[in-house]
């Protein structure tokens, strides 16, 4: 259907074009060196699949190589992202290879506002490292913010400084400011998410972290590994 996303898997368990994100995930989650990307129409996806991954996957807007795969991806990514800073925004982030030795976070909602859940996964394997929810009532952005802070706490408890990827610019901005900016009212229905947000803000004010928190480059790399597939 025109306007619906389609997903190209160039390298995965079964390469092809998929109209459902969950099917794309089956071919790529845990598959070393998987190469996949979303497109806005089936025609574009079919054309990209015929072209091959070299033309579409891991390319910056200027046409230079911007993503990689394989066992060495994590190490080289660490060097390439060194100048990005630990809370980089998309405006300043140097786009290089994916750091696969990282945690990717995302939110799933049923309406906005509505029930919210979030999780963090191993970027390389797709293994779920933590999952929270559904929280009865909240917003997409608040869930994204909570997911990042949860990942920071998760890594700190394990003595890790792993990179954290999020696809939410708003949540990353709130992270830098250590405070959310939302119009969601505080009432009985939103009490749980506000309790979690208040705890997250307090944690940020009293803790420091050395993790890089980076924007996941969806247009270059496909959907973030933690994606719930609710497109």
C-alpha atoms as a PDB file:
ATOM      1  CA  UNK A   1       0.000   0.000   0.000  1.00  0.00           C
ATOM      2  CA  UNK A   2       1.361   3.438  -0.890  1.00  0.00           C
ATOM      3  CA  UNK A   3       2.799   5.238   2.106  1.00  0.00           C
ATOM      4  CA  UNK A   4       3.384   2.048   4.095  1.00  0.00           C
ATOM      5  CA  UNK A   5       6.920   1.188   5.098  1.00  0.00           C
ATOM      6  CA  UNK A   6       8.668  -1.779   3.538  1.00  0.00           C
ATOM      7  CA  UNK A   7      11.856  -3.365   4.812  1.00  0.00           C
ATOM      8  CA  UNK A   8      14.746  -4.585   2.698  1.00  0.00           C
ATOM      9  CA  UNK A   9      16.990  -7.305   4.079  1.00  0.00           C
ATOM     10  CA  UNK A  10      20.121  -7.583   1.956  1.00  0.00           C
ATOM     11  CA  UNK A  11      22.064  -9.710   4.399  1.00  0.00           C
ATOM     12  CA  UNK A  12      20.156 -11.882   6.859  1.00  0.00           C
ATOM     13  CA  UNK A  13      18.663 -15.320   7.305  1.00  0.00           C
ATOM     14  CA  UNK A  14      16.418 -14.877   4.277  1.00  0.00           C
ATOM     15  CA  UNK A  15      17.146 -11.770   2.158  1.00  0.00           C
ATOM     16  CA  UNK A  16      14.166 -10.085   0.573  1.00  0.00           C
ATOM     17  CA  UNK A  17      11.563  -7.334   0.895  1.00  0.00           C
ATOM     18  CA  UNK A  18       9.164  -7.452   3.842  1.00  0.00           C
ATOM     19  CA  UNK A  19       6.052  -5.412   4.535  1.00  0.00           C
ATOM     20  CA  UNK A  20       5.996  -6.213   8.269  1.00  0.00           C
ATOM     21  CA  UNK A  21       8.750  -5.083  10.645  1.00  0.00           C
ATOM     22  CA  UNK A  22       8.420  -8.229  12.762  1.00  0.00           C
ATOM     23  CA  UNK A  23       9.300 -10.349   9.716  1.00  0.00           C
ATOM     24  CA  UNK A  24      12.347  -8.191   9.050  1.00  0.00           C
ATOM     25  CA  UNK A  25      13.406  -8.687  12.672  1.00  0.00           C
ATOM     26  CA  UNK A  26      13.187 -12.468  12.295  1.00  0.00           C
ATOM     27  CA  UNK A  27      15.730 -12.283   9.487  1.00  0.00           C
ATOM     28  CA  UNK A  28      18.137  -9.883  11.232  1.00  0.00           C
ATOM     29  CA  UNK A  29      17.995 -10.185  15.025  1.00  0.00           C
ATOM     30  CA  UNK A  30      21.124 -11.981  16.187  1.00  0.00           C
ATOM     31  CA  UNK A  31      22.421 -12.340  12.628  1.00  0.00           C
ATOM     32  CA  UNK A  32      26.045 -11.199  12.518  1.00  0.00           C
ATOM     33  CA  UNK A  33      26.592  -8.461   9.929  1.00  0.00           C
ATOM     34  CA  UNK A  34      22.904  -8.105   9.030  1.00  0.00           C
ATOM     35  CA  UNK A  35      22.150  -5.324   6.554  1.00  0.00           C
ATOM     36  CA  UNK A  36      18.612  -3.991   6.370  1.00  0.00           C
ATOM     37  CA  UNK A  37      16.764  -0.703   5.918  1.00  0.00           C
ATOM     38  CA  UNK A  38      13.232   0.679   5.709  1.00  0.00           C
ATOM     39  CA  UNK A  39      11.746   2.408   2.660  1.00  0.00           C
ATOM     40  CA  UNK A  40       8.603   4.460   2.216  1.00  0.00           C
ATOM     41  CA  UNK A  41       7.104   2.342  -0.575  1.00  0.00           C
ATOM     42  CA  UNK A  42       7.298  -1.179  -1.979  1.00  0.00           C
ATOM     43  CA  UNK A  43       8.583   0.155  -5.292  1.00  0.00           C
ATOM     44  CA  UNK A  44      11.485   1.909  -3.576  1.00  0.00           C
ATOM     45  CA  UNK A  45      12.221  -1.182  -1.503  1.00  0.00           C
ATOM     46  CA  UNK A  46      12.158  -3.489  -4.547  1.00  0.00           C
ATOM     47  CA  UNK A  47      14.504  -1.159  -6.409  1.00  0.00           C
ATOM     48  CA  UNK A  48      16.882  -0.934  -3.443  1.00  0.00           C
ATOM     49  CA  UNK A  49      16.926  -4.702  -3.052  1.00  0.00           C
ATOM     50  CA  UNK A  50      17.882  -5.094  -6.717  1.00  0.00           C
ATOM     51  CA  UNK A  51      20.574  -2.418  -6.383  1.00  0.00           C
ATOM     52  CA  UNK A  52      22.255  -4.216  -3.497  1.00  0.00           C
ATOM     53  CA  UNK A  53      23.222  -3.000  -0.035  1.00  0.00           C
ATOM     54  CA  UNK A  54      26.377  -1.168  -1.176  1.00  0.00           C
ATOM     55  CA  UNK A  55      24.288   1.583  -2.777  1.00  0.00           C
ATOM     56  CA  UNK A  56      21.810   2.136   0.066  1.00  0.00           C
ATOM     57  CA  UNK A  57      22.875   0.708   3.410  1.00  0.00           C
ATOM     58  CA  UNK A  58      25.352   2.620   5.548  1.00  0.00           C
ATOM     59  CA  UNK A  59      25.622   5.613   3.215  1.00  0.00           C
ATOM     60  CA  UNK A  60      25.592   9.179   4.433  1.00  0.00           C
ATOM     61  CA  UNK A  61      23.713  11.832   2.470  1.00  0.00           C
ATOM     62  CA  UNK A  62      27.001  12.721   0.798  1.00  0.00           C
ATOM     63  CA  UNK A  63      27.426   9.190  -0.434  1.00  0.00           C
ATOM     64  CA  UNK A  64      30.312   8.138   1.808  1.00  0.00           C
ATOM     65  CA  UNK A  65      30.382   4.866   3.686  1.00  0.00           C
ATOM     66  CA  UNK A  66      28.759   5.352   7.080  1.00  0.00           C
ATOM     67  CA  UNK A  67      27.988   1.918   8.497  1.00  0.00           C
ATOM     68  CA  UNK A  68      29.665  -1.449   8.859  1.00  0.00           C
ATOM     69  CA  UNK A  69      29.243  -5.026  10.010  1.00  0.00           C
ATOM     70  CA  UNK A  70      31.213  -7.988  11.165  1.00  0.00           C
ATOM     71  CA  UNK A  71      33.371  -8.761  14.180  1.00  0.00           C
ATOM     72  CA  UNK A  72      35.454  -5.593  13.974  1.00  0.00           C
ATOM     73  CA  UNK A  73      32.525  -3.188  13.853  1.00  0.00           C
ATOM     74  CA  UNK A  74      32.427  -2.500  17.591  1.00  0.00           C
ATOM     75  CA  UNK A  75      36.127  -1.646  17.895  1.00  0.00           C
ATOM     76  CA  UNK A  76      36.299   0.658  14.878  1.00  0.00           C
ATOM     77  CA  UNK A  77      33.042   2.355  15.886  1.00  0.00           C
ATOM     78  CA  UNK A  78      34.532   3.192  19.260  1.00  0.00           C
ATOM     79  CA  UNK A  79      37.301   5.158  17.578  1.00  0.00           C
ATOM     80  CA  UNK A  80      35.013   6.894  15.104  1.00  0.00           C
ATOM     81  CA  UNK A  81      32.561   8.046  17.770  1.00  0.00           C
ATOM     82  CA  UNK A  82      35.242   9.283  20.168  1.00  0.00           C
ATOM     83  CA  UNK A  83      34.697  12.924  19.237  1.00  0.00           C
ATOM     84  CA  UNK A  84      30.933  12.713  19.511  1.00  0.00           C
ATOM     85  CA  UNK A  85      30.756  13.255  23.277  1.00  0.00           C
ATOM     86  CA  UNK A  86      28.716  11.364  25.824  1.00  0.00           C
ATOM     87  CA  UNK A  87      25.407  13.131  25.183  1.00  0.00           C
ATOM     88  CA  UNK A  88      25.741  14.049  21.526  1.00  0.00           C
ATOM     89  CA  UNK A  89      22.873  15.435  19.519  1.00  0.00           C
ATOM     90  CA  UNK A  90      22.276  14.607  15.871  1.00  0.00           C
ATOM     91  CA  UNK A  91      23.569  18.084  14.991  1.00  0.00           C
ATOM     92  CA  UNK A  92      27.036  17.385  16.433  1.00  0.00           C
ATOM     93  CA  UNK A  93      27.275  13.619  16.311  1.00  0.00           C
ATOM     94  CA  UNK A  94      29.832  12.225  13.911  1.00  0.00           C
ATOM     95  CA  UNK A  95      28.046   9.514  11.951  1.00  0.00           C
ATOM     96  CA  UNK A  96      30.309   6.510  11.595  1.00  0.00           C
ATOM     97  CA  UNK A  97      29.920   2.782  11.954  1.00  0.00           C
ATOM     98  CA  UNK A  98      27.440   1.303  14.382  1.00  0.00           C
ATOM     99  CA  UNK A  99      28.952   0.470  17.750  1.00  0.00           C
ATOM    100  CA  UNK A 100      27.523  -3.019  18.148  1.00  0.00           C
ATOM    101  CA  UNK A 101      28.887  -3.354  21.691  1.00  0.00           C
ATOM    102  CA  UNK A 102      26.080  -1.120  22.913  1.00  0.00           C
ATOM    103  CA  UNK A 103      22.531  -0.961  24.215  1.00  0.00           C
ATOM    104  CA  UNK A 104      19.658   0.222  22.026  1.00  0.00           C
ATOM    105  CA  UNK A 105      16.465   1.496  23.663  1.00  0.00           C
ATOM    106  CA  UNK A 106      13.003   2.221  22.368  1.00  0.00           C
ATOM    107  CA  UNK A 107       9.431   2.741  23.491  1.00  0.00           C
ATOM    108  CA  UNK A 108       6.164   1.113  22.537  1.00  0.00           C
ATOM    109  CA  UNK A 109       2.880   2.982  22.988  1.00  0.00           C
ATOM    110  CA  UNK A 110      -0.829   2.368  22.432  1.00  0.00           C
ATOM    111  CA  UNK A 111      -1.954   5.887  21.741  1.00  0.00           C
ATOM    112  CA  UNK A 112      -0.090   9.064  22.647  1.00  0.00           C
ATOM    113  CA  UNK A 113      -0.868   9.611  25.446  1.00  0.00           C
ATOM    114  CA  UNK A 114      -1.669   6.030  26.310  1.00  0.00           C
ATOM    115  CA  UNK A 115      -0.124   2.907  27.849  1.00  0.00           C
ATOM    116  CA  UNK A 116       3.682   2.977  27.594  1.00  0.00           C
ATOM    117  CA  UNK A 117       6.351   0.303  27.693  1.00  0.00           C
ATOM    118  CA  UNK A 118      10.049   0.425  26.946  1.00  0.00           C
ATOM    119  CA  UNK A 119      13.023  -1.890  26.678  1.00  0.00           C
ATOM    120  CA  UNK A 120      16.746  -2.024  26.141  1.00  0.00           C
ATOM    121  CA  UNK A 121      18.399  -4.641  23.947  1.00  0.00           C
ATOM    122  CA  UNK A 122      21.890  -5.756  23.027  1.00  0.00           C
ATOM    123  CA  UNK A 123      22.491  -3.985  19.716  1.00  0.00           C
ATOM    124  CA  UNK A 124      24.511  -6.880  18.335  1.00  0.00           C
ATOM    125  CA  UNK A 125      22.210  -9.775  19.228  1.00  0.00           C
ATOM    126  CA  UNK A 126      18.812  -8.204  19.925  1.00  0.00           C
ATOM    127  CA  UNK A 127      18.728  -9.879  23.358  1.00  0.00           C
ATOM    128  CA  UNK A 128      16.356  -8.035  25.702  1.00  0.00           C
ATOM    129  CA  UNK A 129      18.373  -6.721  28.666  1.00  0.00           C
ATOM    130  CA  UNK A 130      15.528  -4.978  30.473  1.00  0.00           C
ATOM    131  CA  UNK A 131      11.856  -4.297  29.865  1.00  0.00           C
ATOM    132  CA  UNK A 132       9.351  -2.128  31.761  1.00  0.00           C
ATOM    133  CA  UNK A 133       5.600  -1.785  31.387  1.00  0.00           C
ATOM    134  CA  UNK A 134       3.005  -1.377  30.261  1.00  0.00           C
ATOM    135  CA  UNK A 135       2.757   1.780  32.358  1.00  0.00           C
ATOM    136  CA  UNK A 136      -0.966   2.708  32.412  1.00  0.00           C
ATOM    137  CA  UNK A 137      -0.678   6.208  30.955  1.00  0.00           C
ATOM    138  CA  UNK A 138       2.152   8.281  29.507  1.00  0.00           C
ATOM    139  CA  UNK A 139       3.653   9.624  26.303  1.00  0.00           C
ATOM    140  CA  UNK A 140       6.089   8.372  23.726  1.00  0.00           C
ATOM    141  CA  UNK A 141       8.738  10.952  24.639  1.00  0.00           C
ATOM    142  CA  UNK A 142       8.533  10.241  28.362  1.00  0.00           C
ATOM    143  CA  UNK A 143       8.976   6.546  27.653  1.00  0.00           C
ATOM    144  CA  UNK A 144      12.022   7.270  25.481  1.00  0.00           C
ATOM    145  CA  UNK A 145      13.531   9.387  28.267  1.00  0.00           C
ATOM    146  CA  UNK A 146      12.929   6.703  30.894  1.00  0.00           C
ATOM    147  CA  UNK A 147      14.486   4.070  28.626  1.00  0.00           C
ATOM    148  CA  UNK A 148      17.728   6.047  28.268  1.00  0.00           C
ATOM    149  CA  UNK A 149      18.039   6.708  31.994  1.00  0.00           C
ATOM    150  CA  UNK A 150      17.233   3.057  32.739  1.00  0.00           C
ATOM    151  CA  UNK A 151      20.037   2.033  30.378  1.00  0.00           C
ATOM    152  CA  UNK A 152      22.456   4.400  32.134  1.00  0.00           C
ATOM    153  CA  UNK A 153      21.548   2.953  35.523  1.00  0.00           C
ATOM    154  CA  UNK A 154      21.748  -0.577  34.129  1.00  0.00           C
ATOM    155  CA  UNK A 155      25.268  -0.040  32.826  1.00  0.00           C
ATOM    156  CA  UNK A 156      26.424   1.787  35.948  1.00  0.00           C
ATOM    157  CA  UNK A 157      25.310  -1.115  38.147  1.00  0.00           C
ATOM    158  CA  UNK A 158      27.471  -3.412  36.005  1.00  0.00           C
ATOM    159  CA  UNK A 159      30.491  -1.151  35.840  1.00  0.00           C
ATOM    160  CA  UNK A 160      30.000  -0.637  32.109  1.00  0.00           C
ATOM    161  CA  UNK A 161      30.359   2.465  29.950  1.00  0.00           C
ATOM    162  CA  UNK A 162      28.722   0.951  26.876  1.00  0.00           C
ATOM    163  CA  UNK A 163      27.294   3.284  24.247  1.00  0.00           C
ATOM    164  CA  UNK A 164      23.528   3.799  24.394  1.00  0.00           C
ATOM    165  CA  UNK A 165      21.488   4.414  21.253  1.00  0.00           C
ATOM    166  CA  UNK A 166      18.116   6.170  21.135  1.00  0.00           C
ATOM    167  CA  UNK A 167      16.120   7.386  18.141  1.00  0.00           C
ATOM    168  CA  UNK A 168      14.470  10.204  20.139  1.00  0.00           C
ATOM    169  CA  UNK A 169      15.936  13.699  19.879  1.00  0.00           C
ATOM    170  CA  UNK A 170      13.521  15.021  22.519  1.00  0.00           C
ATOM    171  CA  UNK A 171      14.551  12.402  25.054  1.00  0.00           C
ATOM    172  CA  UNK A 172      18.239  13.102  24.427  1.00  0.00           C
ATOM    173  CA  UNK A 173      17.620  16.832  24.894  1.00  0.00           C
ATOM    174  CA  UNK A 174      15.838  16.180  28.193  1.00  0.00           C
ATOM    175  CA  UNK A 175      18.713  13.956  29.225  1.00  0.00           C
ATOM    176  CA  UNK A 176      21.211  16.772  28.716  1.00  0.00           C
ATOM    177  CA  UNK A 177      18.972  19.180  30.620  1.00  0.00           C
ATOM    178  CA  UNK A 178      18.220  16.573  33.324  1.00  0.00           C
ATOM    179  CA  UNK A 179      14.580  17.585  33.160  1.00  0.00           C
ATOM    180  CA  UNK A 180      11.609  16.732  30.963  1.00  0.00           C
ATOM    181  CA  UNK A 181       9.425  19.314  29.233  1.00  0.00           C
ATOM    182  CA  UNK A 182       6.004  17.804  28.716  1.00  0.00           C
ATOM    183  CA  UNK A 183       2.381  18.908  28.868  1.00  0.00           C
ATOM    184  CA  UNK A 184       1.226  15.588  30.348  1.00  0.00           C
ATOM    185  CA  UNK A 185      -0.889  16.420  33.384  1.00  0.00           C
ATOM    186  CA  UNK A 186      -0.233  14.957  36.810  1.00  0.00           C
ATOM    187  CA  UNK A 187      -3.294  13.077  37.987  1.00  0.00           C
ATOM    188  CA  UNK A 188      -4.276   9.613  39.180  1.00  0.00           C
ATOM    189  CA  UNK A 189      -4.010   8.088  35.711  1.00  0.00           C
ATOM    190  CA  UNK A 190      -0.467   9.410  35.120  1.00  0.00           C
ATOM    191  CA  UNK A 191       0.832   8.926  38.674  1.00  0.00           C
ATOM    192  CA  UNK A 192       3.007   5.914  37.802  1.00  0.00           C
ATOM    193  CA  UNK A 193       4.888   7.445  34.885  1.00  0.00           C
ATOM    194  CA  UNK A 194       5.405  10.688  36.798  1.00  0.00           C
ATOM    195  CA  UNK A 195       6.837   8.718  39.726  1.00  0.00           C
ATOM    196  CA  UNK A 196       9.330   7.084  37.354  1.00  0.00           C
ATOM    197  CA  UNK A 197      10.177  10.400  35.676  1.00  0.00           C
ATOM    198  CA  UNK A 198      10.766  12.101  39.025  1.00  0.00           C
ATOM    199  CA  UNK A 199      13.085   9.240  40.041  1.00  0.00           C
ATOM    200  CA  UNK A 200      14.954   9.441  36.730  1.00  0.00           C
ATOM    201  CA  UNK A 201      15.481  13.193  37.019  1.00  0.00           C
ATOM    202  CA  UNK A 202      16.704  12.805  40.599  1.00  0.00           C
ATOM    203  CA  UNK A 203      19.147  10.081  39.504  1.00  0.00           C
ATOM    204  CA  UNK A 204      20.566  12.328  36.784  1.00  0.00           C
ATOM    205  CA  UNK A 205      21.094  15.160  39.247  1.00  0.00           C
ATOM    206  CA  UNK A 206      23.036  12.952  41.654  1.00  0.00           C
ATOM    207  CA  UNK A 207      25.006  10.684  39.327  1.00  0.00           C
ATOM    208  CA  UNK A 208      27.532  11.078  36.539  1.00  0.00           C
ATOM    209  CA  UNK A 209      28.134   8.715  33.650  1.00  0.00           C
ATOM    210  CA  UNK A 210      30.774   8.228  30.991  1.00  0.00           C
ATOM    211  CA  UNK A 211      28.554   6.458  28.447  1.00  0.00           C
ATOM    212  CA  UNK A 212      28.064   7.985  25.027  1.00  0.00           C
ATOM    213  CA  UNK A 213      24.360   8.498  24.373  1.00  0.00           C
ATOM    214  CA  UNK A 214      24.008   8.671  20.610  1.00  0.00           C
ATOM    215  CA  UNK A 215      21.243   9.186  18.074  1.00  0.00           C
ATOM    216  CA  UNK A 216      20.393   6.027  16.154  1.00  0.00           C
ATOM    217  CA  UNK A 217      20.569   6.939  12.462  1.00  0.00           C
ATOM    218  CA  UNK A 218      17.379   5.279  11.247  1.00  0.00           C
ATOM    219  CA  UNK A 219      17.652   6.479   7.640  1.00  0.00           C
ATOM    220  CA  UNK A 220      21.105   4.941   7.344  1.00  0.00           C
ATOM    221  CA  UNK A 221      20.852   1.851   9.518  1.00  0.00           C
ATOM    222  CA  UNK A 222      17.183   0.839   9.488  1.00  0.00           C
ATOM    223  CA  UNK A 223      14.934   0.627  12.537  1.00  0.00           C
ATOM    224  CA  UNK A 224      16.601   0.599  15.946  1.00  0.00           C
ATOM    225  CA  UNK A 225      17.107  -2.901  17.332  1.00  0.00           C
ATOM    226  CA  UNK A 226      14.752  -2.271  20.262  1.00  0.00           C
ATOM    227  CA  UNK A 227      11.897  -1.232  17.961  1.00  0.00           C
ATOM    228  CA  UNK A 228       8.475  -2.639  18.911  1.00  0.00           C
ATOM    229  CA  UNK A 229       7.332  -2.826  15.285  1.00  0.00           C
ATOM    230  CA  UNK A 230       4.216  -0.695  15.839  1.00  0.00           C
ATOM    231  CA  UNK A 231       4.442   1.294  12.628  1.00  0.00           C
END
